[in-house]
């Protein structure tokens, strides 16, 4: 038997049949560009292009500025609340008398409920102002936000304090003895406007927060659902 004349190819050389072939268009999807397209942040960038992540609203400085303006505007409504409280609140009747040469003032109707009516009038008006202010703020700024809600609550509290002082200022003087001397002995006159239940000052901010929360939950803007592609995700490359 004779040996072959053509020596075998070296081990490091590949035949033409086993040579590496460039990937086709389908397998090219797993190249560096495709890996970048399927990178962890690629889907987020795609959603941002559709507007999912691009609806963050204004910056924090703008929200704080708007909240401060809303707080001031709501607080100024306390002037109107104070006027209405002074106008609608029942009057507490007092009577002056002279006892041993000294003037004394006492309630004309010891069993009357006018003092409770004064507190109740303020509370009901404050609740109404809270609902109205929350509705106006929601219609102007539907997107809401923490600074906006805080500004609404602070404005409601400041408005209630302002209304309290305005009503007292518009009402009768606090020197009831001087008033009794002025009108004369046995003549009925109105007591100073007084808010006995200081907890009524929280009615405005409480009503504003609750009503605004309800409006936001029912009619506030909703975040859009993420948009995904219609096709199935490509499988891993063949080994």
C-alpha atoms as a PDB file:
ATOM      1  CA  UNK A   1       0.000   0.000   0.000  1.00  0.00           C
ATOM      2  CA  UNK A   2       1.338   3.448  -0.940  1.00  0.00           C
ATOM      3  CA  UNK A   3       1.015   6.610   1.234  1.00  0.00           C
ATOM      4  CA  UNK A   4      -1.162   9.510  -0.018  1.00  0.00           C
ATOM      5  CA  UNK A   5       0.679  12.142  -1.986  1.00  0.00           C
ATOM      6  CA  UNK A   6      -1.305  15.120  -0.577  1.00  0.00           C
ATOM      7  CA  UNK A   7      -0.562  15.828   3.092  1.00  0.00           C
ATOM      8  CA  UNK A   8      -3.529  16.620   5.374  1.00  0.00           C
ATOM      9  CA  UNK A   9      -4.150  20.294   6.158  1.00  0.00           C
ATOM     10  CA  UNK A  10      -2.707  21.673   9.409  1.00  0.00           C
ATOM     11  CA  UNK A  11      -5.041  21.580  12.454  1.00  0.00           C
ATOM     12  CA  UNK A  12      -5.290  25.380  12.690  1.00  0.00           C
ATOM     13  CA  UNK A  13      -6.649  25.727   9.168  1.00  0.00           C
ATOM     14  CA  UNK A  14     -10.341  25.345   8.473  1.00  0.00           C
ATOM     15  CA  UNK A  15     -11.839  23.939   5.370  1.00  0.00           C
ATOM     16  CA  UNK A  16     -14.023  25.978   3.102  1.00  0.00           C
ATOM     17  CA  UNK A  17     -17.063  24.066   4.273  1.00  0.00           C
ATOM     18  CA  UNK A  18     -16.484  24.871   7.963  1.00  0.00           C
ATOM     19  CA  UNK A  19     -15.642  28.530   7.338  1.00  0.00           C
ATOM     20  CA  UNK A  20     -17.573  31.156   9.390  1.00  0.00           C
ATOM     21  CA  UNK A  21     -20.534  32.617   7.567  1.00  0.00           C
ATOM     22  CA  UNK A  22     -21.828  36.132   8.275  1.00  0.00           C
ATOM     23  CA  UNK A  23     -25.184  36.153  10.069  1.00  0.00           C
ATOM     24  CA  UNK A  24     -28.288  36.851   8.071  1.00  0.00           C
ATOM     25  CA  UNK A  25     -30.681  39.703   8.654  1.00  0.00           C
ATOM     26  CA  UNK A  26     -32.689  37.728  11.192  1.00  0.00           C
ATOM     27  CA  UNK A  27     -29.726  36.784  13.336  1.00  0.00           C
ATOM     28  CA  UNK A  28     -28.298  40.301  13.068  1.00  0.00           C
ATOM     29  CA  UNK A  29     -30.875  41.318  15.623  1.00  0.00           C
ATOM     30  CA  UNK A  30     -28.545  39.949  18.278  1.00  0.00           C
ATOM     31  CA  UNK A  31     -25.611  42.170  17.442  1.00  0.00           C
ATOM     32  CA  UNK A  32     -24.336  45.060  19.523  1.00  0.00           C
ATOM     33  CA  UNK A  33     -27.014  47.376  18.155  1.00  0.00           C
ATOM     34  CA  UNK A  34     -29.752  44.917  19.036  1.00  0.00           C
ATOM     35  CA  UNK A  35     -28.298  44.417  22.494  1.00  0.00           C
ATOM     36  CA  UNK A  36     -28.404  48.172  22.975  1.00  0.00           C
ATOM     37  CA  UNK A  37     -32.010  48.206  21.783  1.00  0.00           C
ATOM     38  CA  UNK A  38     -32.925  45.575  24.377  1.00  0.00           C
ATOM     39  CA  UNK A  39     -30.833  47.109  27.138  1.00  0.00           C
ATOM     40  CA  UNK A  40     -32.582  47.671  30.515  1.00  0.00           C
ATOM     41  CA  UNK A  41     -33.069  51.387  29.845  1.00  0.00           C
ATOM     42  CA  UNK A  42     -34.197  51.002  26.237  1.00  0.00           C
ATOM     43  CA  UNK A  43     -37.802  50.234  27.100  1.00  0.00           C
ATOM     44  CA  UNK A  44     -37.926  53.233  29.466  1.00  0.00           C
ATOM     45  CA  UNK A  45     -36.662  55.457  26.702  1.00  0.00           C
ATOM     46  CA  UNK A  46     -39.284  54.039  24.368  1.00  0.00           C
ATOM     47  CA  UNK A  47     -42.056  54.730  26.888  1.00  0.00           C
ATOM     48  CA  UNK A  48     -40.753  58.221  27.412  1.00  0.00           C
ATOM     49  CA  UNK A  49     -41.100  58.782  23.692  1.00  0.00           C
ATOM     50  CA  UNK A  50     -44.768  57.849  23.972  1.00  0.00           C
ATOM     51  CA  UNK A  51     -45.250  60.346  26.815  1.00  0.00           C
ATOM     52  CA  UNK A  52     -45.480  57.858  29.698  1.00  0.00           C
ATOM     53  CA  UNK A  53     -42.520  59.180  31.672  1.00  0.00           C
ATOM     54  CA  UNK A  54     -42.716  62.719  30.319  1.00  0.00           C
ATOM     55  CA  UNK A  55     -45.749  63.880  32.303  1.00  0.00           C
ATOM     56  CA  UNK A  56     -44.095  64.817  35.582  1.00  0.00           C
ATOM     57  CA  UNK A  57     -45.587  68.319  35.492  1.00  0.00           C
ATOM     58  CA  UNK A  58     -43.747  71.469  36.470  1.00  0.00           C
ATOM     59  CA  UNK A  59     -40.714  71.554  38.680  1.00  0.00           C
ATOM     60  CA  UNK A  60     -40.805  71.653  42.458  1.00  0.00           C
ATOM     61  CA  UNK A  61     -40.070  75.383  42.552  1.00  0.00           C
ATOM     62  CA  UNK A  62     -43.042  76.107  40.337  1.00  0.00           C
ATOM     63  CA  UNK A  63     -45.322  73.924  42.453  1.00  0.00           C
ATOM     64  CA  UNK A  64     -44.184  75.628  45.662  1.00  0.00           C
ATOM     65  CA  UNK A  65     -44.748  79.048  44.085  1.00  0.00           C
ATOM     66  CA  UNK A  66     -48.243  78.087  42.973  1.00  0.00           C
ATOM     67  CA  UNK A  67     -49.008  76.628  46.412  1.00  0.00           C
ATOM     68  CA  UNK A  68     -47.949  79.889  48.071  1.00  0.00           C
ATOM     69  CA  UNK A  69     -50.193  81.920  45.766  1.00  0.00           C
ATOM     70  CA  UNK A  70     -53.121  79.597  46.431  1.00  0.00           C
ATOM     71  CA  UNK A  71     -52.514  79.815  50.169  1.00  0.00           C
ATOM     72  CA  UNK A  72     -52.626  83.621  50.087  1.00  0.00           C
ATOM     73  CA  UNK A  73     -55.719  83.700  47.870  1.00  0.00           C
ATOM     74  CA  UNK A  74     -57.592  81.242  50.086  1.00  0.00           C
ATOM     75  CA  UNK A  75     -56.590  83.099  53.245  1.00  0.00           C
ATOM     76  CA  UNK A  76     -57.960  86.368  51.864  1.00  0.00           C
ATOM     77  CA  UNK A  77     -61.347  84.677  51.621  1.00  0.00           C
ATOM     78  CA  UNK A  78     -61.398  84.842  55.406  1.00  0.00           C
ATOM     79  CA  UNK A  79     -62.419  88.488  55.166  1.00  0.00           C
ATOM     80  CA  UNK A  80     -65.699  87.494  53.513  1.00  0.00           C
ATOM     81  CA  UNK A  81     -66.215  84.698  56.025  1.00  0.00           C
ATOM     82  CA  UNK A  82     -65.739  87.140  58.902  1.00  0.00           C
ATOM     83  CA  UNK A  83     -68.299  89.554  57.446  1.00  0.00           C
ATOM     84  CA  UNK A  84     -70.850  86.775  56.937  1.00  0.00           C
ATOM     85  CA  UNK A  85     -70.265  85.458  60.450  1.00  0.00           C
ATOM     86  CA  UNK A  86     -70.828  88.898  61.952  1.00  0.00           C
ATOM     87  CA  UNK A  87     -73.958  89.353  59.849  1.00  0.00           C
ATOM     88  CA  UNK A  88     -75.575  85.935  60.321  1.00  0.00           C
ATOM     89  CA  UNK A  89     -74.561  84.977  63.858  1.00  0.00           C
ATOM     90  CA  UNK A  90     -77.269  85.353  66.522  1.00  0.00           C
ATOM     91  CA  UNK A  91     -76.858  88.108  69.097  1.00  0.00           C
ATOM     92  CA  UNK A  92     -76.354  87.243  72.739  1.00  0.00           C
ATOM     93  CA  UNK A  93     -78.519  89.670  74.813  1.00  0.00           C
ATOM     94  CA  UNK A  94     -77.006  91.312  77.880  1.00  0.00           C
ATOM     95  CA  UNK A  95     -78.484  93.591  80.516  1.00  0.00           C
ATOM     96  CA  UNK A  96     -76.713  96.015  82.820  1.00  0.00           C
ATOM     97  CA  UNK A  97     -77.706  96.871  86.357  1.00  0.00           C
ATOM     98  CA  UNK A  98     -76.336  98.832  89.313  1.00  0.00           C
ATOM     99  CA  UNK A  99     -75.645  96.881  92.493  1.00  0.00           C
ATOM    100  CA  UNK A 100     -74.263  98.724  95.501  1.00  0.00           C
ATOM    101  CA  UNK A 101     -73.171 101.562  93.270  1.00  0.00           C
ATOM    102  CA  UNK A 102     -71.287  99.306  90.834  1.00  0.00           C
ATOM    103  CA  UNK A 103     -72.331  98.311  87.366  1.00  0.00           C
ATOM    104  CA  UNK A 104     -72.810  94.608  86.699  1.00  0.00           C
ATOM    105  CA  UNK A 105     -73.668  92.884  83.430  1.00  0.00           C
ATOM    106  CA  UNK A 106     -75.473  89.589  83.123  1.00  0.00           C
ATOM    107  CA  UNK A 107     -77.247  87.484  80.525  1.00  0.00           C
ATOM    108  CA  UNK A 108     -80.828  88.425  79.884  1.00  0.00           C
ATOM    109  CA  UNK A 109     -81.757  84.843  78.973  1.00  0.00           C
ATOM    110  CA  UNK A 110     -79.707  82.467  81.101  1.00  0.00           C
ATOM    111  CA  UNK A 111     -81.115  79.426  79.277  1.00  0.00           C
ATOM    112  CA  UNK A 112     -80.628  80.819  75.787  1.00  0.00           C
ATOM    113  CA  UNK A 113     -78.561  79.031  73.163  1.00  0.00           C
ATOM    114  CA  UNK A 114     -77.390  82.077  71.256  1.00  0.00           C
ATOM    115  CA  UNK A 115     -73.755  81.459  72.231  1.00  0.00           C
ATOM    116  CA  UNK A 116     -73.910  77.952  70.760  1.00  0.00           C
ATOM    117  CA  UNK A 117     -75.502  79.408  67.648  1.00  0.00           C
ATOM    118  CA  UNK A 118     -72.554  81.777  67.241  1.00  0.00           C
ATOM    119  CA  UNK A 119     -70.106  78.865  67.172  1.00  0.00           C
ATOM    120  CA  UNK A 120     -72.385  76.809  64.949  1.00  0.00           C
ATOM    121  CA  UNK A 121     -72.746  79.627  62.422  1.00  0.00           C
ATOM    122  CA  UNK A 122     -69.000  80.013  62.164  1.00  0.00           C
ATOM    123  CA  UNK A 123     -68.517  76.249  61.759  1.00  0.00           C
ATOM    124  CA  UNK A 124     -71.111  75.887  59.010  1.00  0.00           C
ATOM    125  CA  UNK A 125     -69.765  78.874  57.098  1.00  0.00           C
ATOM    126  CA  UNK A 126     -66.213  77.571  57.417  1.00  0.00           C
ATOM    127  CA  UNK A 127     -67.250  74.167  56.085  1.00  0.00           C
ATOM    128  CA  UNK A 128     -68.906  75.817  53.094  1.00  0.00           C
ATOM    129  CA  UNK A 129     -65.842  77.947  52.409  1.00  0.00           C
ATOM    130  CA  UNK A 130     -63.670  74.844  52.603  1.00  0.00           C
ATOM    131  CA  UNK A 131     -65.761  73.056  49.985  1.00  0.00           C
ATOM    132  CA  UNK A 132     -65.806  76.070  47.653  1.00  0.00           C
ATOM    133  CA  UNK A 133     -62.078  76.721  47.951  1.00  0.00           C
ATOM    134  CA  UNK A 134     -61.263  73.052  47.297  1.00  0.00           C
ATOM    135  CA  UNK A 135     -63.503  73.044  44.210  1.00  0.00           C
ATOM    136  CA  UNK A 136     -61.913  76.197  42.797  1.00  0.00           C
ATOM    137  CA  UNK A 137     -58.381  74.926  43.408  1.00  0.00           C
ATOM    138  CA  UNK A 138     -59.205  71.578  41.783  1.00  0.00           C
ATOM    139  CA  UNK A 139     -60.676  73.233  38.704  1.00  0.00           C
ATOM    140  CA  UNK A 140     -57.604  75.443  38.341  1.00  0.00           C
ATOM    141  CA  UNK A 141     -55.009  72.736  39.050  1.00  0.00           C
ATOM    142  CA  UNK A 142     -56.382  69.271  38.350  1.00  0.00           C
ATOM    143  CA  UNK A 143     -53.031  67.532  38.621  1.00  0.00           C
ATOM    144  CA  UNK A 144     -52.862  68.225  42.372  1.00  0.00           C
ATOM    145  CA  UNK A 145     -49.631  67.546  44.208  1.00  0.00           C
ATOM    146  CA  UNK A 146     -48.378  67.662  47.766  1.00  0.00           C
ATOM    147  CA  UNK A 147     -47.393  71.380  47.742  1.00  0.00           C
ATOM    148  CA  UNK A 148     -50.810  72.291  46.377  1.00  0.00           C
ATOM    149  CA  UNK A 149     -52.649  70.369  49.104  1.00  0.00           C
ATOM    150  CA  UNK A 150     -50.427  71.845  51.818  1.00  0.00           C
ATOM    151  CA  UNK A 151     -51.027  75.353  50.462  1.00  0.00           C
ATOM    152  CA  UNK A 152     -54.784  74.738  50.457  1.00  0.00           C
ATOM    153  CA  UNK A 153     -54.755  73.551  54.084  1.00  0.00           C
ATOM    154  CA  UNK A 154     -52.537  76.407  55.293  1.00  0.00           C
ATOM    155  CA  UNK A 155     -54.662  78.947  53.431  1.00  0.00           C
ATOM    156  CA  UNK A 156     -57.827  77.529  54.990  1.00  0.00           C
ATOM    157  CA  UNK A 157     -56.390  77.764  58.500  1.00  0.00           C
ATOM    158  CA  UNK A 158     -55.139  81.314  57.970  1.00  0.00           C
ATOM    159  CA  UNK A 159     -58.499  82.263  56.450  1.00  0.00           C
ATOM    160  CA  UNK A 160     -60.352  80.913  59.483  1.00  0.00           C
ATOM    161  CA  UNK A 161     -58.102  82.878  61.839  1.00  0.00           C
ATOM    162  CA  UNK A 162     -58.590  86.015  59.781  1.00  0.00           C
ATOM    163  CA  UNK A 163     -62.368  85.527  59.722  1.00  0.00           C
ATOM    164  CA  UNK A 164     -62.432  85.125  63.497  1.00  0.00           C
ATOM    165  CA  UNK A 165     -60.589  88.388  64.082  1.00  0.00           C
ATOM    166  CA  UNK A 166     -62.603  90.281  61.441  1.00  0.00           C
ATOM    167  CA  UNK A 167     -65.883  89.154  62.982  1.00  0.00           C
ATOM    168  CA  UNK A 168     -64.770  90.175  66.477  1.00  0.00           C
ATOM    169  CA  UNK A 169     -63.601  93.523  65.141  1.00  0.00           C
ATOM    170  CA  UNK A 170     -66.902  94.200  63.365  1.00  0.00           C
ATOM    171  CA  UNK A 171     -68.995  93.088  66.341  1.00  0.00           C
ATOM    172  CA  UNK A 172     -69.834  95.047  69.487  1.00  0.00           C
ATOM    173  CA  UNK A 173     -67.056  96.307  71.723  1.00  0.00           C
ATOM    174  CA  UNK A 174     -65.570  94.044  74.354  1.00  0.00           C
ATOM    175  CA  UNK A 175     -66.028  96.538  77.188  1.00  0.00           C
ATOM    176  CA  UNK A 176     -69.508  95.464  78.216  1.00  0.00           C
ATOM    177  CA  UNK A 177     -69.563  97.657  81.341  1.00  0.00           C
ATOM    178  CA  UNK A 178     -68.985 100.788  79.308  1.00  0.00           C
ATOM    179  CA  UNK A 179     -71.653  99.652  76.874  1.00  0.00           C
ATOM    180  CA  UNK A 180     -74.131  99.083  79.752  1.00  0.00           C
ATOM    181  CA  UNK A 181     -73.463 102.577  81.091  1.00  0.00           C
ATOM    182  CA  UNK A 182     -73.976 103.983  77.608  1.00  0.00           C
ATOM    183  CA  UNK A 183     -77.370 102.357  76.968  1.00  0.00           C
ATOM    184  CA  UNK A 184     -78.602 102.676  80.543  1.00  0.00           C
ATOM    185  CA  UNK A 185     -79.762 100.419  83.340  1.00  0.00           C
ATOM    186  CA  UNK A 186     -82.070  97.569  82.331  1.00  0.00           C
ATOM    187  CA  UNK A 187     -81.614  98.124  78.583  1.00  0.00           C
ATOM    188  CA  UNK A 188     -80.772  95.089  76.474  1.00  0.00           C
ATOM    189  CA  UNK A 189     -77.684  95.210  74.273  1.00  0.00           C
ATOM    190  CA  UNK A 190     -75.656  92.665  72.313  1.00  0.00           C
ATOM    191  CA  UNK A 191     -72.634  90.891  73.723  1.00  0.00           C
ATOM    192  CA  UNK A 192     -69.327  90.945  71.870  1.00  0.00           C
ATOM    193  CA  UNK A 193     -68.968  88.385  69.112  1.00  0.00           C
ATOM    194  CA  UNK A 194     -67.016  85.536  70.643  1.00  0.00           C
ATOM    195  CA  UNK A 195     -65.916  82.156  69.313  1.00  0.00           C
ATOM    196  CA  UNK A 196     -66.180  79.803  72.254  1.00  0.00           C
ATOM    197  CA  UNK A 197     -65.215  76.567  70.447  1.00  0.00           C
ATOM    198  CA  UNK A 198     -61.758  77.208  69.028  1.00  0.00           C
ATOM    199  CA  UNK A 199     -61.911  73.849  67.249  1.00  0.00           C
ATOM    200  CA  UNK A 200     -64.208  75.515  64.716  1.00  0.00           C
ATOM    201  CA  UNK A 201     -61.101  77.126  63.244  1.00  0.00           C
ATOM    202  CA  UNK A 202     -60.151  73.713  61.816  1.00  0.00           C
ATOM    203  CA  UNK A 203     -63.440  73.295  59.948  1.00  0.00           C
ATOM    204  CA  UNK A 204     -62.235  75.171  56.865  1.00  0.00           C
ATOM    205  CA  UNK A 205     -58.936  73.315  56.275  1.00  0.00           C
ATOM    206  CA  UNK A 206     -60.510  69.969  57.169  1.00  0.00           C
ATOM    207  CA  UNK A 207     -63.380  70.389  54.713  1.00  0.00           C
ATOM    208  CA  UNK A 208     -60.997  71.633  52.014  1.00  0.00           C
ATOM    209  CA  UNK A 209     -58.672  68.642  52.359  1.00  0.00           C
ATOM    210  CA  UNK A 210     -61.438  66.037  52.414  1.00  0.00           C
ATOM    211  CA  UNK A 211     -63.342  67.525  49.487  1.00  0.00           C
ATOM    212  CA  UNK A 212     -60.212  68.047  47.392  1.00  0.00           C
ATOM    213  CA  UNK A 213     -59.142  64.468  48.058  1.00  0.00           C
ATOM    214  CA  UNK A 214     -62.519  63.204  46.910  1.00  0.00           C
ATOM    215  CA  UNK A 215     -62.429  65.287  43.741  1.00  0.00           C
ATOM    216  CA  UNK A 216     -58.929  64.099  42.927  1.00  0.00           C
ATOM    217  CA  UNK A 217     -59.873  60.467  43.477  1.00  0.00           C
ATOM    218  CA  UNK A 218     -62.989  60.693  41.299  1.00  0.00           C
ATOM    219  CA  UNK A 219     -62.093  63.164  38.569  1.00  0.00           C
ATOM    220  CA  UNK A 220     -58.321  63.582  38.747  1.00  0.00           C
ATOM    221  CA  UNK A 221     -56.036  62.736  35.807  1.00  0.00           C
ATOM    222  CA  UNK A 222     -54.933  59.116  35.472  1.00  0.00           C
ATOM    223  CA  UNK A 223     -51.522  57.847  34.459  1.00  0.00           C
ATOM    224  CA  UNK A 224     -51.650  56.231  30.991  1.00  0.00           C
ATOM    225  CA  UNK A 225     -51.011  52.526  30.687  1.00  0.00           C
ATOM    226  CA  UNK A 226     -47.587  51.530  29.291  1.00  0.00           C
ATOM    227  CA  UNK A 227     -47.538  50.684  25.601  1.00  0.00           C
ATOM    228  CA  UNK A 228     -45.936  47.378  24.644  1.00  0.00           C
ATOM    229  CA  UNK A 229     -45.149  46.016  21.206  1.00  0.00           C
ATOM    230  CA  UNK A 230     -47.565  43.676  19.453  1.00  0.00           C
ATOM    231  CA  UNK A 231     -45.053  40.982  18.572  1.00  0.00           C
ATOM    232  CA  UNK A 232     -43.491  38.430  20.858  1.00  0.00           C
ATOM    233  CA  UNK A 233     -40.093  39.060  22.352  1.00  0.00           C
ATOM    234  CA  UNK A 234     -37.273  37.497  20.311  1.00  0.00           C
ATOM    235  CA  UNK A 235     -35.763  34.380  21.726  1.00  0.00           C
ATOM    236  CA  UNK A 236     -32.130  33.992  22.741  1.00  0.00           C
ATOM    237  CA  UNK A 237     -29.563  33.409  19.984  1.00  0.00           C
ATOM    238  CA  UNK A 238     -28.833  29.861  18.981  1.00  0.00           C
ATOM    239  CA  UNK A 239     -25.693  28.371  20.424  1.00  0.00           C
END
